[in-house]
Amino acid sequence: MVVATRSTLVAQMQELGFEVLPSAANFIFARHPNRDAAGLAAALRERAIIVRHFKQARIDQFLRITIGTDEQCAVLVKALREILAG
């Protein structure tokens, strides 16, 4: 189930312009070339969506997103569309 959901989420994130690193885990690392990861994480938090943002060099522009249910991932993608459009 996680593999299928992860594949769908990766494709949707890429459609939104995110670079998504290859993953075989229950999470993905993604970054947007034109948006600050800390800002994205904060905007998602305002919508009660929690993703991890790390401040360490090399990964400070990536979000760590745990693979949830299909419904949870759909909520995430919808929120990201709104944030990126605004």
C-alpha atoms as a PDB file:
ATOM      1  CA  MET A   1       0.000   0.000   0.000  1.00  0.00           C
ATOM      2  CA  VAL A   2       2.805   2.414   0.936  1.00  0.00           C
ATOM      3  CA  VAL A   3       4.638   1.745  -2.342  1.00  0.00           C
ATOM      4  CA  ALA A   4       1.576   2.575  -4.449  1.00  0.00           C
ATOM      5  CA  THR A   5       0.734   5.677  -2.423  1.00  0.00           C
ATOM      6  CA  ARG A   6       4.359   6.833  -2.524  1.00  0.00           C
ATOM      7  CA  SER A   7       4.471   6.468  -6.318  1.00  0.00           C
ATOM      8  CA  THR A   8       1.307   8.513  -6.715  1.00  0.00           C
ATOM      9  CA  LEU A   9       2.529  11.197  -4.324  1.00  0.00           C
ATOM     10  CA  VAL A  10       5.908  11.444  -6.070  1.00  0.00           C
ATOM     11  CA  ALA A  11       4.207  11.928  -9.445  1.00  0.00           C
ATOM     12  CA  GLN A  12       1.884  14.602  -8.044  1.00  0.00           C
ATOM     13  CA  MET A  13       4.760  16.419  -6.339  1.00  0.00           C
ATOM     14  CA  GLN A  14       6.761  16.395  -9.568  1.00  0.00           C
ATOM     15  CA  GLU A  15       3.749  17.852 -11.414  1.00  0.00           C
ATOM     16  CA  LEU A  16       3.870  20.737  -8.918  1.00  0.00           C
ATOM     17  CA  GLY A  17       7.523  21.329  -9.803  1.00  0.00           C
ATOM     18  CA  PHE A  18       9.141  19.560  -6.856  1.00  0.00           C
ATOM     19  CA  GLU A  19      12.351  17.607  -7.145  1.00  0.00           C
ATOM     20  CA  VAL A  20      11.796  14.333  -5.295  1.00  0.00           C
ATOM     21  CA  LEU A  21      14.736  12.142  -4.366  1.00  0.00           C
ATOM     22  CA  PRO A  22      14.406   8.395  -5.011  1.00  0.00           C
ATOM     23  CA  SER A  23      12.953   6.575  -2.012  1.00  0.00           C
ATOM     24  CA  ALA A  24      12.287   3.003  -0.961  1.00  0.00           C
ATOM     25  CA  ALA A  25      11.125   4.083   2.496  1.00  0.00           C
ATOM     26  CA  ASN A  26       7.842   5.259   4.003  1.00  0.00           C
ATOM     27  CA  PHE A  27       8.802   8.893   3.340  1.00  0.00           C
ATOM     28  CA  ILE A  28      10.120  11.125   0.574  1.00  0.00           C
ATOM     29  CA  PHE A  29      12.514  14.077   0.468  1.00  0.00           C
ATOM     30  CA  ALA A  30      11.270  16.846  -1.794  1.00  0.00           C
ATOM     31  CA  ARG A  31      12.256  20.414  -2.597  1.00  0.00           C
ATOM     32  CA  HIS A  32      10.804  23.103  -4.784  1.00  0.00           C
ATOM     33  CA  PRO A  33      13.290  25.098  -6.863  1.00  0.00           C
ATOM     34  CA  ASN A  34      11.483  28.410  -6.309  1.00  0.00           C
ATOM     35  CA  ARG A  35      10.170  28.137  -2.762  1.00  0.00           C
ATOM     36  CA  ASP A  36      11.927  28.061   0.584  1.00  0.00           C
ATOM     37  CA  ALA A  37      11.396  24.766   2.412  1.00  0.00           C
ATOM     38  CA  ALA A  38      11.000  26.435   5.815  1.00  0.00           C
ATOM     39  CA  GLY A  39       8.286  28.677   4.395  1.00  0.00           C
ATOM     40  CA  LEU A  40       6.489  25.737   2.830  1.00  0.00           C
ATOM     41  CA  ALA A  41       6.647  23.777   6.081  1.00  0.00           C
ATOM     42  CA  ALA A  42       5.243  26.765   7.990  1.00  0.00           C
ATOM     43  CA  ALA A  43       2.422  27.280   5.480  1.00  0.00           C
ATOM     44  CA  LEU A  44       1.532  23.606   5.692  1.00  0.00           C
ATOM     45  CA  ARG A  45       1.606  23.739   9.502  1.00  0.00           C
ATOM     46  CA  GLU A  46      -0.928  26.589   9.379  1.00  0.00           C
ATOM     47  CA  ARG A  47      -3.188  24.114   7.581  1.00  0.00           C
ATOM     48  CA  ALA A  48      -2.553  21.429  10.253  1.00  0.00           C
ATOM     49  CA  ILE A  49      -0.286  19.439   7.928  1.00  0.00           C
ATOM     50  CA  ILE A  50       3.001  18.514   9.552  1.00  0.00           C
ATOM     51  CA  VAL A  51       6.104  17.765   7.499  1.00  0.00           C
ATOM     52  CA  ARG A  52       9.690  17.712   8.702  1.00  0.00           C
ATOM     53  CA  HIS A  53      12.097  20.493   7.806  1.00  0.00           C
ATOM     54  CA  PHE A  54      15.748  20.129   8.747  1.00  0.00           C
ATOM     55  CA  LYS A  55      18.133  23.060   9.140  1.00  0.00           C
ATOM     56  CA  GLN A  56      21.278  21.062   8.381  1.00  0.00           C
ATOM     57  CA  ALA A  57      23.383  22.019   5.386  1.00  0.00           C
ATOM     58  CA  ARG A  58      22.685  20.048   2.199  1.00  0.00           C
ATOM     59  CA  ILE A  59      19.112  19.225   3.226  1.00  0.00           C
ATOM     60  CA  ASP A  60      17.875  22.609   4.456  1.00  0.00           C
ATOM     61  CA  GLN A  61      15.745  23.097   1.331  1.00  0.00           C
ATOM     62  CA  PHE A  62      14.124  19.660   1.521  1.00  0.00           C
ATOM     63  CA  LEU A  63      10.943  18.562   3.231  1.00  0.00           C
ATOM     64  CA  ARG A  64      10.670  15.065   4.653  1.00  0.00           C
ATOM     65  CA  ILE A  65       7.143  13.907   3.977  1.00  0.00           C
ATOM     66  CA  THR A  66       5.863  10.703   5.532  1.00  0.00           C
ATOM     67  CA  ILE A  67       3.654   8.603   3.289  1.00  0.00           C
ATOM     68  CA  GLY A  68       0.176   8.525   4.813  1.00  0.00           C
ATOM     69  CA  THR A  69      -3.088   7.286   3.420  1.00  0.00           C
ATOM     70  CA  ASP A  70      -4.223   8.193  -0.081  1.00  0.00           C
ATOM     71  CA  GLU A  71      -6.633  10.684   1.481  1.00  0.00           C
ATOM     72  CA  GLN A  72      -3.917  12.317   3.601  1.00  0.00           C
ATOM     73  CA  CYS A  73      -1.627  12.644   0.597  1.00  0.00           C
ATOM     74  CA  ALA A  74      -4.460  14.189  -1.431  1.00  0.00           C
ATOM     75  CA  VAL A  75      -4.957  16.802   1.315  1.00  0.00           C
ATOM     76  CA  LEU A  76      -1.212  17.549   1.237  1.00  0.00           C
ATOM     77  CA  VAL A  77      -1.138  17.972  -2.540  1.00  0.00           C
ATOM     78  CA  LYS A  78      -4.232  20.202  -2.483  1.00  0.00           C
ATOM     79  CA  ALA A  79      -2.639  22.395   0.192  1.00  0.00           C
ATOM     80  CA  LEU A  80       0.623  22.630  -1.755  1.00  0.00           C
ATOM     81  CA  ARG A  81      -1.281  23.669  -4.895  1.00  0.00           C
ATOM     82  CA  GLU A  82      -2.946  26.459  -2.921  1.00  0.00           C
ATOM     83  CA  ILE A  83       0.308  27.577  -1.313  1.00  0.00           C
ATOM     84  CA  LEU A  84       2.209  27.604  -4.608  1.00  0.00           C
ATOM     85  CA  ALA A  85      -0.606  29.494  -6.355  1.00  0.00           C
ATOM     86  CA  GLY A  86      -0.761  32.171  -3.652  1.00  0.00           C
END
